[in-house]
């Protein structure tokens, strides 16, 4: 099948959305599908307001239309709601082409925190963006329920996975820091609630890998924390494996891929019992969810590392790719009821 994937999030950006999409494209290509990725590198770009390290395409409409026309895809998936996603959406609507979309990030929440815009305004805009979609793919049941409450329609559960070959326990891994080591990996930005982790009274060491708009301020305010920036993806398994607990303070995740990566390396997760952790860690014994993040972090020290790995093994990429294919629709649907391009399969448990 010829599949066009349109995304404003792509390499060299470092985040869970990019990781998910790169893994997805690889899995689709391994299954013999031809994938055309329309991403920012082929366009004039400008820095995203508030996230200057993320570059967005500038006025991409004409080039997006040209590339979609030349590729003539059998299915179109719009992964993000930025300039490229908006251009692809406009093209599909003008041409009468069906497409699917995804809700990867809780931007209404982020905008409310960063710019003090009411969440209801953000949800209204995103509801309008996704309204013409033949299927809005959502990574967790919790997020699906939230979007249902916000009156989104045609929602489709699409779980995510982890590369179990890359992310596996690394024997003897050590960060050279006093133990126990409590680790956070991810963006240092408004929506991650990182202060909830940084201000905890914990023994040993707290380590943060990542960058973002809040990094200079938090480094200044929390000098006792070890700040390590961004590292090549291939180094992450050793980093996860060297930690005793992965503490994840976010309240706003649609999924939280880094939790899966940590558990795949045998590192238990400590998090709040909110959407994202509830779906990834859930009632398993691969981590600890508690309203008191300090309690969760200390209790997670008692979790056997093989239990964390076992939980991650429930999220295999093979079934994730098949589920994605099952949600695609043929491009020329017009006013007919949505068809499926591929038989759907059950999501990981």
C-alpha atoms as a PDB file:
ATOM      1  CA  UNK A   1       0.000   0.000   0.000  1.00  0.00           C
ATOM      2  CA  UNK A   2       1.169   3.577  -0.705  1.00  0.00           C
ATOM      3  CA  UNK A   3       0.841   5.541   2.521  1.00  0.00           C
ATOM      4  CA  UNK A   4       1.480   9.278   2.929  1.00  0.00           C
ATOM      5  CA  UNK A   5       2.456  10.271   6.467  1.00  0.00           C
ATOM      6  CA  UNK A   6       2.372  14.020   7.118  1.00  0.00           C
ATOM      7  CA  UNK A   7       4.050  15.237  10.296  1.00  0.00           C
ATOM      8  CA  UNK A   8       5.420  18.470  11.760  1.00  0.00           C
ATOM      9  CA  UNK A   9       7.399  16.368  14.274  1.00  0.00           C
ATOM     10  CA  UNK A  10      10.413  14.559  12.827  1.00  0.00           C
ATOM     11  CA  UNK A  11      14.138  14.128  13.218  1.00  0.00           C
ATOM     12  CA  UNK A  12      16.262  15.831  14.532  1.00  0.00           C
ATOM     13  CA  UNK A  13      13.556  16.703  17.079  1.00  0.00           C
ATOM     14  CA  UNK A  14      13.816  14.475  20.159  1.00  0.00           C
ATOM     15  CA  UNK A  15      10.451  13.545  21.665  1.00  0.00           C
ATOM     16  CA  UNK A  16       8.037  10.661  21.995  1.00  0.00           C
ATOM     17  CA  UNK A  17       6.013  11.627  18.925  1.00  0.00           C
ATOM     18  CA  UNK A  18       9.093  11.524  16.686  1.00  0.00           C
ATOM     19  CA  UNK A  19      10.201   8.212  18.172  1.00  0.00           C
ATOM     20  CA  UNK A  20       6.757   6.701  17.632  1.00  0.00           C
ATOM     21  CA  UNK A  21       6.519   7.872  14.024  1.00  0.00           C
ATOM     22  CA  UNK A  22      10.045   6.761  13.103  1.00  0.00           C
ATOM     23  CA  UNK A  23       9.356   3.302  14.549  1.00  0.00           C
ATOM     24  CA  UNK A  24       6.011   3.193  12.752  1.00  0.00           C
ATOM     25  CA  UNK A  25       7.518   4.048   9.364  1.00  0.00           C
ATOM     26  CA  UNK A  26      10.178   1.383   9.825  1.00  0.00           C
ATOM     27  CA  UNK A  27       7.566  -1.218  10.728  1.00  0.00           C
ATOM     28  CA  UNK A  28       5.370  -0.314   7.756  1.00  0.00           C
ATOM     29  CA  UNK A  29       8.307  -0.503   5.347  1.00  0.00           C
ATOM     30  CA  UNK A  30       9.321  -3.895   6.724  1.00  0.00           C
ATOM     31  CA  UNK A  31       5.821  -5.083   5.837  1.00  0.00           C
ATOM     32  CA  UNK A  32       6.317  -3.998   2.229  1.00  0.00           C
ATOM     33  CA  UNK A  33       4.346  -0.744   2.327  1.00  0.00           C
ATOM     34  CA  UNK A  34       5.641   2.330   0.484  1.00  0.00           C
ATOM     35  CA  UNK A  35       5.670   5.311   2.846  1.00  0.00           C
ATOM     36  CA  UNK A  36       6.118   8.936   1.801  1.00  0.00           C
ATOM     37  CA  UNK A  37       6.972  11.039   4.858  1.00  0.00           C
ATOM     38  CA  UNK A  38       6.226  14.745   4.440  1.00  0.00           C
ATOM     39  CA  UNK A  39       8.177  16.451   7.246  1.00  0.00           C
ATOM     40  CA  UNK A  40       9.769  19.861   7.888  1.00  0.00           C
ATOM     41  CA  UNK A  41      13.284  19.320   6.497  1.00  0.00           C
ATOM     42  CA  UNK A  42      12.202  19.887   2.876  1.00  0.00           C
ATOM     43  CA  UNK A  43      10.661  23.313   3.568  1.00  0.00           C
ATOM     44  CA  UNK A  44      11.592  26.817   4.665  1.00  0.00           C
ATOM     45  CA  UNK A  45      11.285  26.772   8.429  1.00  0.00           C
ATOM     46  CA  UNK A  46      10.756  29.041  11.414  1.00  0.00           C
ATOM     47  CA  UNK A  47      11.213  28.383  15.164  1.00  0.00           C
ATOM     48  CA  UNK A  48       8.101  27.271  17.033  1.00  0.00           C
ATOM     49  CA  UNK A  49       7.030  30.020  19.497  1.00  0.00           C
ATOM     50  CA  UNK A  50       8.021  28.951  22.998  1.00  0.00           C
ATOM     51  CA  UNK A  51      10.015  25.969  21.682  1.00  0.00           C
ATOM     52  CA  UNK A  52      12.711  27.537  19.523  1.00  0.00           C
ATOM     53  CA  UNK A  53      14.578  24.257  19.098  1.00  0.00           C
ATOM     54  CA  UNK A  54      11.579  22.910  17.137  1.00  0.00           C
ATOM     55  CA  UNK A  55      11.390  24.186  13.554  1.00  0.00           C
ATOM     56  CA  UNK A  56       8.096  24.315  11.659  1.00  0.00           C
ATOM     57  CA  UNK A  57       7.468  24.580   7.913  1.00  0.00           C
ATOM     58  CA  UNK A  58       6.730  28.069   6.580  1.00  0.00           C
ATOM     59  CA  UNK A  59       3.745  28.346   4.195  1.00  0.00           C
ATOM     60  CA  UNK A  60       4.005  24.731   2.985  1.00  0.00           C
ATOM     61  CA  UNK A  61       0.621  24.457   1.228  1.00  0.00           C
ATOM     62  CA  UNK A  62       1.732  24.433  -2.409  1.00  0.00           C
ATOM     63  CA  UNK A  63       4.602  21.969  -1.896  1.00  0.00           C
ATOM     64  CA  UNK A  64       2.471  19.638   0.237  1.00  0.00           C
ATOM     65  CA  UNK A  65      -0.168  19.589  -2.500  1.00  0.00           C
ATOM     66  CA  UNK A  66       2.486  18.882  -5.147  1.00  0.00           C
ATOM     67  CA  UNK A  67       4.011  16.006  -3.210  1.00  0.00           C
ATOM     68  CA  UNK A  68       0.697  14.388  -2.366  1.00  0.00           C
ATOM     69  CA  UNK A  69      -0.435  14.669  -5.974  1.00  0.00           C
ATOM     70  CA  UNK A  70       2.821  13.196  -7.292  1.00  0.00           C
ATOM     71  CA  UNK A  71       2.822  10.317  -4.800  1.00  0.00           C
ATOM     72  CA  UNK A  72      -0.893   9.467  -5.299  1.00  0.00           C
ATOM     73  CA  UNK A  73      -1.241   7.681  -1.957  1.00  0.00           C
ATOM     74  CA  UNK A  74      -3.812   5.007  -1.258  1.00  0.00           C
ATOM     75  CA  UNK A  75      -4.068   6.244   2.338  1.00  0.00           C
ATOM     76  CA  UNK A  76      -3.176   9.567   3.972  1.00  0.00           C
ATOM     77  CA  UNK A  77      -2.399   9.932   7.667  1.00  0.00           C
ATOM     78  CA  UNK A  78      -1.947  13.395   9.202  1.00  0.00           C
ATOM     79  CA  UNK A  79       0.031  12.860  12.387  1.00  0.00           C
ATOM     80  CA  UNK A  80       0.215  16.422  13.750  1.00  0.00           C
ATOM     81  CA  UNK A  81      -1.820  19.621  13.782  1.00  0.00           C
ATOM     82  CA  UNK A  82       0.939  22.062  12.738  1.00  0.00           C
ATOM     83  CA  UNK A  83       1.555  23.843   9.409  1.00  0.00           C
ATOM     84  CA  UNK A  84       2.237  20.632   7.453  1.00  0.00           C
ATOM     85  CA  UNK A  85      -0.737  18.843   8.977  1.00  0.00           C
ATOM     86  CA  UNK A  86      -2.953  21.845   8.259  1.00  0.00           C
ATOM     87  CA  UNK A  87      -1.754  22.030   4.650  1.00  0.00           C
ATOM     88  CA  UNK A  88      -2.432  18.326   4.101  1.00  0.00           C
ATOM     89  CA  UNK A  89      -5.871  18.661   5.692  1.00  0.00           C
ATOM     90  CA  UNK A  90      -6.747  21.566   3.371  1.00  0.00           C
ATOM     91  CA  UNK A  91      -5.550  19.642   0.321  1.00  0.00           C
ATOM     92  CA  UNK A  92      -7.620  16.580   1.239  1.00  0.00           C
ATOM     93  CA  UNK A  93     -10.751  18.637   1.826  1.00  0.00           C
ATOM     94  CA  UNK A  94     -10.368  20.461  -1.496  1.00  0.00           C
ATOM     95  CA  UNK A  95      -9.787  17.212  -3.381  1.00  0.00           C
ATOM     96  CA  UNK A  96     -12.485  15.201  -1.587  1.00  0.00           C
ATOM     97  CA  UNK A  97      -9.932  12.753  -0.165  1.00  0.00           C
ATOM     98  CA  UNK A  98     -10.453  10.827   3.042  1.00  0.00           C
ATOM     99  CA  UNK A  99      -7.693  10.836   5.643  1.00  0.00           C
ATOM    100  CA  UNK A 100      -6.956   9.832   9.219  1.00  0.00           C
ATOM    101  CA  UNK A 101      -5.376  11.927  11.969  1.00  0.00           C
ATOM    102  CA  UNK A 102      -3.808  11.347  15.383  1.00  0.00           C
ATOM    103  CA  UNK A 103      -3.958  13.122  18.733  1.00  0.00           C
ATOM    104  CA  UNK A 104      -0.418  12.665  20.050  1.00  0.00           C
ATOM    105  CA  UNK A 105      -0.023  15.669  22.351  1.00  0.00           C
ATOM    106  CA  UNK A 106      -2.288  17.515  24.790  1.00  0.00           C
ATOM    107  CA  UNK A 107      -1.613  20.895  23.226  1.00  0.00           C
ATOM    108  CA  UNK A 108      -4.677  22.550  24.830  1.00  0.00           C
ATOM    109  CA  UNK A 109      -3.151  21.803  28.236  1.00  0.00           C
ATOM    110  CA  UNK A 110       0.298  22.999  27.115  1.00  0.00           C
ATOM    111  CA  UNK A 111      -1.121  26.240  25.733  1.00  0.00           C
ATOM    112  CA  UNK A 112      -3.026  26.865  28.933  1.00  0.00           C
ATOM    113  CA  UNK A 113       0.170  26.481  30.978  1.00  0.00           C
ATOM    114  CA  UNK A 114       2.527  28.346  28.642  1.00  0.00           C
ATOM    115  CA  UNK A 115       0.291  31.116  27.297  1.00  0.00           C
ATOM    116  CA  UNK A 116      -2.595  31.133  29.821  1.00  0.00           C
ATOM    117  CA  UNK A 117      -5.099  30.312  27.075  1.00  0.00           C
ATOM    118  CA  UNK A 118      -8.219  28.547  28.438  1.00  0.00           C
ATOM    119  CA  UNK A 119      -8.099  24.817  27.715  1.00  0.00           C
ATOM    120  CA  UNK A 120     -11.639  24.995  26.352  1.00  0.00           C
ATOM    121  CA  UNK A 121     -10.439  27.328  23.579  1.00  0.00           C
ATOM    122  CA  UNK A 122      -7.666  24.933  22.646  1.00  0.00           C
ATOM    123  CA  UNK A 123      -9.976  21.941  22.579  1.00  0.00           C
ATOM    124  CA  UNK A 124     -12.435  23.841  20.394  1.00  0.00           C
ATOM    125  CA  UNK A 125      -9.699  24.533  17.819  1.00  0.00           C
ATOM    126  CA  UNK A 126      -8.393  20.968  17.849  1.00  0.00           C
ATOM    127  CA  UNK A 127     -11.920  19.550  17.655  1.00  0.00           C
ATOM    128  CA  UNK A 128     -12.439  21.609  14.497  1.00  0.00           C
ATOM    129  CA  UNK A 129      -9.108  20.426  13.064  1.00  0.00           C
ATOM    130  CA  UNK A 130      -9.957  16.742  13.558  1.00  0.00           C
ATOM    131  CA  UNK A 131     -13.654  16.959  12.673  1.00  0.00           C
ATOM    132  CA  UNK A 132     -13.241  15.949   8.970  1.00  0.00           C
ATOM    133  CA  UNK A 133     -10.967  13.016   9.842  1.00  0.00           C
ATOM    134  CA  UNK A 134     -12.264   9.526   9.082  1.00  0.00           C
ATOM    135  CA  UNK A 135     -10.534   8.289  12.223  1.00  0.00           C
ATOM    136  CA  UNK A 136      -8.684  10.089  15.024  1.00  0.00           C
ATOM    137  CA  UNK A 137      -6.066   7.722  16.451  1.00  0.00           C
ATOM    138  CA  UNK A 138      -5.564   8.084  20.211  1.00  0.00           C
ATOM    139  CA  UNK A 139      -2.841   6.208  22.134  1.00  0.00           C
ATOM    140  CA  UNK A 140      -4.598   5.430  25.432  1.00  0.00           C
ATOM    141  CA  UNK A 141      -8.055   4.664  26.737  1.00  0.00           C
ATOM    142  CA  UNK A 142      -7.748   7.539  29.207  1.00  0.00           C
ATOM    143  CA  UNK A 143      -7.048  10.052  26.450  1.00  0.00           C
ATOM    144  CA  UNK A 144      -9.861   8.611  24.371  1.00  0.00           C
ATOM    145  CA  UNK A 145     -12.312   9.204  27.230  1.00  0.00           C
ATOM    146  CA  UNK A 146     -11.047  12.772  27.634  1.00  0.00           C
ATOM    147  CA  UNK A 147     -11.578  13.526  23.963  1.00  0.00           C
ATOM    148  CA  UNK A 148     -15.033  11.945  24.062  1.00  0.00           C
ATOM    149  CA  UNK A 149     -15.858  14.330  26.897  1.00  0.00           C
ATOM    150  CA  UNK A 150     -14.632  17.184  24.667  1.00  0.00           C
ATOM    151  CA  UNK A 151     -17.056  16.027  21.917  1.00  0.00           C
ATOM    152  CA  UNK A 152     -14.448  14.636  19.484  1.00  0.00           C
ATOM    153  CA  UNK A 153     -15.837  12.033  17.112  1.00  0.00           C
ATOM    154  CA  UNK A 154     -14.602   8.954  15.215  1.00  0.00           C
ATOM    155  CA  UNK A 155     -11.951   8.179  17.827  1.00  0.00           C
ATOM    156  CA  UNK A 156      -9.827   5.052  17.325  1.00  0.00           C
ATOM    157  CA  UNK A 157      -7.691   3.420  20.034  1.00  0.00           C
ATOM    158  CA  UNK A 158      -4.118   3.033  18.760  1.00  0.00           C
ATOM    159  CA  UNK A 159      -1.640   1.948  21.403  1.00  0.00           C
ATOM    160  CA  UNK A 160       2.097   2.583  21.060  1.00  0.00           C
ATOM    161  CA  UNK A 161       5.034   0.263  21.487  1.00  0.00           C
ATOM    162  CA  UNK A 162       8.703   0.104  22.377  1.00  0.00           C
ATOM    163  CA  UNK A 163      11.715  -1.274  20.521  1.00  0.00           C
ATOM    164  CA  UNK A 164      12.389  -4.286  22.743  1.00  0.00           C
ATOM    165  CA  UNK A 165      15.560  -5.099  20.804  1.00  0.00           C
ATOM    166  CA  UNK A 166      17.173  -1.737  21.485  1.00  0.00           C
ATOM    167  CA  UNK A 167      15.716  -1.141  24.943  1.00  0.00           C
ATOM    168  CA  UNK A 168      16.790  -4.038  27.111  1.00  0.00           C
ATOM    169  CA  UNK A 169      18.717  -4.354  30.378  1.00  0.00           C
ATOM    170  CA  UNK A 170      22.431  -3.508  30.132  1.00  0.00           C
ATOM    171  CA  UNK A 171      24.346  -5.460  32.814  1.00  0.00           C
ATOM    172  CA  UNK A 172      26.747  -3.396  34.887  1.00  0.00           C
ATOM    173  CA  UNK A 173      25.511  -0.024  33.610  1.00  0.00           C
ATOM    174  CA  UNK A 174      26.544   2.762  35.990  1.00  0.00           C
ATOM    175  CA  UNK A 175      26.275   6.566  35.900  1.00  0.00           C
ATOM    176  CA  UNK A 176      28.994   6.995  38.527  1.00  0.00           C
ATOM    177  CA  UNK A 177      26.621   8.714  40.960  1.00  0.00           C
ATOM    178  CA  UNK A 178      25.609   7.997  44.568  1.00  0.00           C
ATOM    179  CA  UNK A 179      22.786   5.467  44.662  1.00  0.00           C
ATOM    180  CA  UNK A 180      19.897   5.133  44.521  1.00  0.00           C
ATOM    181  CA  UNK A 181      19.624   6.978  41.213  1.00  0.00           C
ATOM    182  CA  UNK A 182      16.247   8.528  40.375  1.00  0.00           C
ATOM    183  CA  UNK A 183      16.067   9.368  36.665  1.00  0.00           C
ATOM    184  CA  UNK A 184      13.942  11.556  34.406  1.00  0.00           C
ATOM    185  CA  UNK A 185      14.289  11.550  30.601  1.00  0.00           C
ATOM    186  CA  UNK A 186      12.198  13.911  28.483  1.00  0.00           C
ATOM    187  CA  UNK A 187      11.480  17.492  27.552  1.00  0.00           C
ATOM    188  CA  UNK A 188      12.206  20.156  30.151  1.00  0.00           C
ATOM    189  CA  UNK A 189       9.045  22.103  29.426  1.00  0.00           C
ATOM    190  CA  UNK A 190       5.897  23.514  30.971  1.00  0.00           C
ATOM    191  CA  UNK A 191       3.657  20.486  30.580  1.00  0.00           C
ATOM    192  CA  UNK A 192       6.026  17.952  32.180  1.00  0.00           C
ATOM    193  CA  UNK A 193       5.503  19.163  35.774  1.00  0.00           C
ATOM    194  CA  UNK A 194       9.214  18.544  36.336  1.00  0.00           C
ATOM    195  CA  UNK A 195       9.408  20.588  39.542  1.00  0.00           C
ATOM    196  CA  UNK A 196       7.319  17.926  41.264  1.00  0.00           C
ATOM    197  CA  UNK A 197      10.301  15.596  40.801  1.00  0.00           C
ATOM    198  CA  UNK A 198      13.106  18.102  41.342  1.00  0.00           C
ATOM    199  CA  UNK A 199      11.838  19.268  44.732  1.00  0.00           C
ATOM    200  CA  UNK A 200      11.421  15.762  46.189  1.00  0.00           C
ATOM    201  CA  UNK A 201      13.443  14.847  49.263  1.00  0.00           C
ATOM    202  CA  UNK A 202      15.049  11.621  48.019  1.00  0.00           C
ATOM    203  CA  UNK A 203      18.237   9.768  48.942  1.00  0.00           C
ATOM    204  CA  UNK A 204      21.044   9.303  46.445  1.00  0.00           C
ATOM    205  CA  UNK A 205      20.958  11.239  43.144  1.00  0.00           C
ATOM    206  CA  UNK A 206      18.418  12.870  40.876  1.00  0.00           C
ATOM    207  CA  UNK A 207      19.371  12.943  37.185  1.00  0.00           C
ATOM    208  CA  UNK A 208      17.677  14.692  34.262  1.00  0.00           C
ATOM    209  CA  UNK A 209      18.361  13.988  30.577  1.00  0.00           C
ATOM    210  CA  UNK A 210      16.655  16.394  28.190  1.00  0.00           C
ATOM    211  CA  UNK A 211      16.340  19.975  27.006  1.00  0.00           C
ATOM    212  CA  UNK A 212      13.543  22.501  26.701  1.00  0.00           C
ATOM    213  CA  UNK A 213      12.481  26.068  27.419  1.00  0.00           C
ATOM    214  CA  UNK A 214      12.600  25.703  31.213  1.00  0.00           C
ATOM    215  CA  UNK A 215      16.112  24.240  31.351  1.00  0.00           C
ATOM    216  CA  UNK A 216      18.110  27.408  32.262  1.00  0.00           C
ATOM    217  CA  UNK A 217      15.693  28.405  35.031  1.00  0.00           C
ATOM    218  CA  UNK A 218      15.469  24.914  36.556  1.00  0.00           C
ATOM    219  CA  UNK A 219      19.242  24.396  36.402  1.00  0.00           C
ATOM    220  CA  UNK A 220      19.687  27.612  38.358  1.00  0.00           C
ATOM    221  CA  UNK A 221      17.033  26.749  40.939  1.00  0.00           C
ATOM    222  CA  UNK A 222      18.028  23.105  41.426  1.00  0.00           C
ATOM    223  CA  UNK A 223      21.839  22.971  41.263  1.00  0.00           C
ATOM    224  CA  UNK A 224      21.934  19.735  43.290  1.00  0.00           C
ATOM    225  CA  UNK A 225      20.293  17.880  40.386  1.00  0.00           C
ATOM    226  CA  UNK A 226      22.591  16.287  37.788  1.00  0.00           C
ATOM    227  CA  UNK A 227      21.719  17.760  34.374  1.00  0.00           C
ATOM    228  CA  UNK A 228      22.927  15.746  31.378  1.00  0.00           C
ATOM    229  CA  UNK A 229      21.240  17.268  28.304  1.00  0.00           C
ATOM    230  CA  UNK A 230      20.486  15.148  25.233  1.00  0.00           C
ATOM    231  CA  UNK A 231      22.400  12.014  24.236  1.00  0.00           C
ATOM    232  CA  UNK A 232      22.261   9.773  21.142  1.00  0.00           C
ATOM    233  CA  UNK A 233      19.374   7.337  21.260  1.00  0.00           C
ATOM    234  CA  UNK A 234      21.732   4.362  21.272  1.00  0.00           C
ATOM    235  CA  UNK A 235      23.062   5.467  24.685  1.00  0.00           C
ATOM    236  CA  UNK A 236      19.662   5.532  26.367  1.00  0.00           C
ATOM    237  CA  UNK A 237      19.476   1.788  27.241  1.00  0.00           C
ATOM    238  CA  UNK A 238      22.631   2.094  29.365  1.00  0.00           C
ATOM    239  CA  UNK A 239      21.274   5.246  31.029  1.00  0.00           C
ATOM    240  CA  UNK A 240      17.923   3.682  31.846  1.00  0.00           C
ATOM    241  CA  UNK A 241      19.616   0.498  33.046  1.00  0.00           C
ATOM    242  CA  UNK A 242      21.922   2.463  35.362  1.00  0.00           C
ATOM    243  CA  UNK A 243      18.998   4.068  37.191  1.00  0.00           C
ATOM    244  CA  UNK A 244      17.204   2.509  40.136  1.00  0.00           C
ATOM    245  CA  UNK A 245      13.866   4.270  39.483  1.00  0.00           C
ATOM    246  CA  UNK A 246      12.441   6.256  36.595  1.00  0.00           C
ATOM    247  CA  UNK A 247      10.409   9.053  38.194  1.00  0.00           C
ATOM    248  CA  UNK A 248       7.848  10.544  35.825  1.00  0.00           C
ATOM    249  CA  UNK A 249       6.013  13.608  37.218  1.00  0.00           C
ATOM    250  CA  UNK A 250       3.819  14.572  34.258  1.00  0.00           C
ATOM    251  CA  UNK A 251       0.057  15.032  34.582  1.00  0.00           C
ATOM    252  CA  UNK A 252      -0.526  15.714  30.882  1.00  0.00           C
ATOM    253  CA  UNK A 253       0.648  12.719  28.861  1.00  0.00           C
ATOM    254  CA  UNK A 254      -1.265  11.140  26.034  1.00  0.00           C
ATOM    255  CA  UNK A 255       1.004   8.093  26.430  1.00  0.00           C
ATOM    256  CA  UNK A 256       4.491   8.577  27.916  1.00  0.00           C
ATOM    257  CA  UNK A 257       6.820   6.456  25.768  1.00  0.00           C
ATOM    258  CA  UNK A 258       9.837   7.070  28.010  1.00  0.00           C
ATOM    259  CA  UNK A 259       8.139   5.043  30.757  1.00  0.00           C
ATOM    260  CA  UNK A 260       8.035   2.038  28.433  1.00  0.00           C
ATOM    261  CA  UNK A 261      11.672   2.523  27.444  1.00  0.00           C
ATOM    262  CA  UNK A 262      12.719   2.585  31.097  1.00  0.00           C
ATOM    263  CA  UNK A 263      10.710  -0.519  31.996  1.00  0.00           C
ATOM    264  CA  UNK A 264      12.073  -2.354  28.944  1.00  0.00           C
ATOM    265  CA  UNK A 265      15.534  -1.786  30.459  1.00  0.00           C
ATOM    266  CA  UNK A 266      14.342  -3.198  33.774  1.00  0.00           C
ATOM    267  CA  UNK A 267      13.902   0.136  35.558  1.00  0.00           C
ATOM    268  CA  UNK A 268      10.617   0.465  37.480  1.00  0.00           C
ATOM    269  CA  UNK A 269       8.516   3.606  37.055  1.00  0.00           C
ATOM    270  CA  UNK A 270       7.207   5.939  39.744  1.00  0.00           C
ATOM    271  CA  UNK A 271       4.404   8.246  38.629  1.00  0.00           C
ATOM    272  CA  UNK A 272       1.105   9.831  39.512  1.00  0.00           C
ATOM    273  CA  UNK A 273      -2.066   7.746  38.917  1.00  0.00           C
ATOM    274  CA  UNK A 274      -3.177   9.826  35.908  1.00  0.00           C
ATOM    275  CA  UNK A 275      -3.822   9.186  32.217  1.00  0.00           C
ATOM    276  CA  UNK A 276      -0.642   7.972  30.580  1.00  0.00           C
ATOM    277  CA  UNK A 277       0.880   6.191  33.593  1.00  0.00           C
ATOM    278  CA  UNK A 278      -2.477   4.523  34.255  1.00  0.00           C
ATOM    279  CA  UNK A 279      -2.360   3.059  30.744  1.00  0.00           C
ATOM    280  CA  UNK A 280       1.368   2.280  30.525  1.00  0.00           C
ATOM    281  CA  UNK A 281       2.026   1.067  34.072  1.00  0.00           C
ATOM    282  CA  UNK A 282      -1.585   0.472  35.089  1.00  0.00           C
ATOM    283  CA  UNK A 283      -2.208  -2.222  37.672  1.00  0.00           C
ATOM    284  CA  UNK A 284       0.952  -4.082  36.709  1.00  0.00           C
ATOM    285  CA  UNK A 285       3.831  -4.641  39.107  1.00  0.00           C
ATOM    286  CA  UNK A 286       6.277  -2.896  36.767  1.00  0.00           C
ATOM    287  CA  UNK A 287       6.109   0.320  38.751  1.00  0.00           C
ATOM    288  CA  UNK A 288       4.301   2.277  41.456  1.00  0.00           C
ATOM    289  CA  UNK A 289       1.562   4.889  40.985  1.00  0.00           C
ATOM    290  CA  UNK A 290       0.728   7.099  43.957  1.00  0.00           C
ATOM    291  CA  UNK A 291      -0.662  10.578  44.600  1.00  0.00           C
ATOM    292  CA  UNK A 292       2.525  11.269  46.590  1.00  0.00           C
ATOM    293  CA  UNK A 293       5.395  11.091  44.079  1.00  0.00           C
ATOM    294  CA  UNK A 294       7.977  10.648  46.848  1.00  0.00           C
ATOM    295  CA  UNK A 295       6.114   7.617  48.171  1.00  0.00           C
ATOM    296  CA  UNK A 296       5.880   6.201  44.649  1.00  0.00           C
ATOM    297  CA  UNK A 297       9.606   6.759  44.033  1.00  0.00           C
ATOM    298  CA  UNK A 298      10.697   5.071  47.279  1.00  0.00           C
ATOM    299  CA  UNK A 299       8.308   2.141  46.865  1.00  0.00           C
ATOM    300  CA  UNK A 300       9.511   1.644  43.286  1.00  0.00           C
ATOM    301  CA  UNK A 301      12.946   0.786  44.707  1.00  0.00           C
ATOM    302  CA  UNK A 302      11.377  -2.475  45.886  1.00  0.00           C
ATOM    303  CA  UNK A 303      10.044  -3.487  42.448  1.00  0.00           C
ATOM    304  CA  UNK A 304      12.001  -6.405  40.913  1.00  0.00           C
ATOM    305  CA  UNK A 305      13.594  -5.311  37.650  1.00  0.00           C
ATOM    306  CA  UNK A 306      12.335  -8.376  35.768  1.00  0.00           C
ATOM    307  CA  UNK A 307       8.757  -7.297  36.550  1.00  0.00           C
ATOM    308  CA  UNK A 308       9.336  -3.941  34.882  1.00  0.00           C
ATOM    309  CA  UNK A 309      10.735  -5.645  31.769  1.00  0.00           C
ATOM    310  CA  UNK A 310       7.768  -8.045  31.666  1.00  0.00           C
ATOM    311  CA  UNK A 311       5.323  -5.128  31.583  1.00  0.00           C
ATOM    312  CA  UNK A 312       7.150  -3.479  28.673  1.00  0.00           C
ATOM    313  CA  UNK A 313       6.978  -6.731  26.713  1.00  0.00           C
ATOM    314  CA  UNK A 314       3.191  -6.280  26.544  1.00  0.00           C
ATOM    315  CA  UNK A 315       3.741  -3.365  24.108  1.00  0.00           C
ATOM    316  CA  UNK A 316       5.247  -5.018  21.061  1.00  0.00           C
ATOM    317  CA  UNK A 317       5.618  -2.902  17.904  1.00  0.00           C
ATOM    318  CA  UNK A 318       4.331  -5.611  15.585  1.00  0.00           C
ATOM    319  CA  UNK A 319       0.764  -5.403  16.871  1.00  0.00           C
ATOM    320  CA  UNK A 320       0.998  -1.589  16.988  1.00  0.00           C
ATOM    321  CA  UNK A 321       1.785  -1.455  13.249  1.00  0.00           C
ATOM    322  CA  UNK A 322      -1.044  -3.834  12.436  1.00  0.00           C
ATOM    323  CA  UNK A 323      -3.448  -1.776  14.484  1.00  0.00           C
ATOM    324  CA  UNK A 324      -2.398   1.392  12.662  1.00  0.00           C
ATOM    325  CA  UNK A 325      -2.998  -0.255   9.285  1.00  0.00           C
ATOM    326  CA  UNK A 326      -6.416  -1.342  10.468  1.00  0.00           C
ATOM    327  CA  UNK A 327      -7.429   2.252  11.127  1.00  0.00           C
ATOM    328  CA  UNK A 328      -6.388   3.659   7.731  1.00  0.00           C
ATOM    329  CA  UNK A 329      -9.055   4.458   5.142  1.00  0.00           C
ATOM    330  CA  UNK A 330      -8.855   4.625   1.329  1.00  0.00           C
ATOM    331  CA  UNK A 331      -8.212   8.172   0.126  1.00  0.00           C
ATOM    332  CA  UNK A 332     -11.252   8.397  -2.154  1.00  0.00           C
ATOM    333  CA  UNK A 333     -14.072   7.866   0.301  1.00  0.00           C
ATOM    334  CA  UNK A 334     -16.052  11.064  -0.409  1.00  0.00           C
ATOM    335  CA  UNK A 335     -19.416  10.804   1.379  1.00  0.00           C
ATOM    336  CA  UNK A 336     -19.447   7.037   1.824  1.00  0.00           C
ATOM    337  CA  UNK A 337     -19.151   5.364   5.202  1.00  0.00           C
ATOM    338  CA  UNK A 338     -15.485   4.937   6.191  1.00  0.00           C
ATOM    339  CA  UNK A 339     -13.885   1.771   4.890  1.00  0.00           C
ATOM    340  CA  UNK A 340     -10.869   0.090   6.363  1.00  0.00           C
ATOM    341  CA  UNK A 341      -7.694  -0.512   4.353  1.00  0.00           C
ATOM    342  CA  UNK A 342      -6.605  -3.406   6.517  1.00  0.00           C
ATOM    343  CA  UNK A 343      -8.146  -5.693   9.097  1.00  0.00           C
ATOM    344  CA  UNK A 344      -7.851  -4.282  12.617  1.00  0.00           C
ATOM    345  CA  UNK A 345      -6.233  -6.194  15.468  1.00  0.00           C
ATOM    346  CA  UNK A 346      -6.480  -5.941  19.227  1.00  0.00           C
ATOM    347  CA  UNK A 347      -4.284  -3.490  21.067  1.00  0.00           C
ATOM    348  CA  UNK A 348      -1.589  -4.621  23.517  1.00  0.00           C
ATOM    349  CA  UNK A 349      -2.799  -5.475  26.996  1.00  0.00           C
END
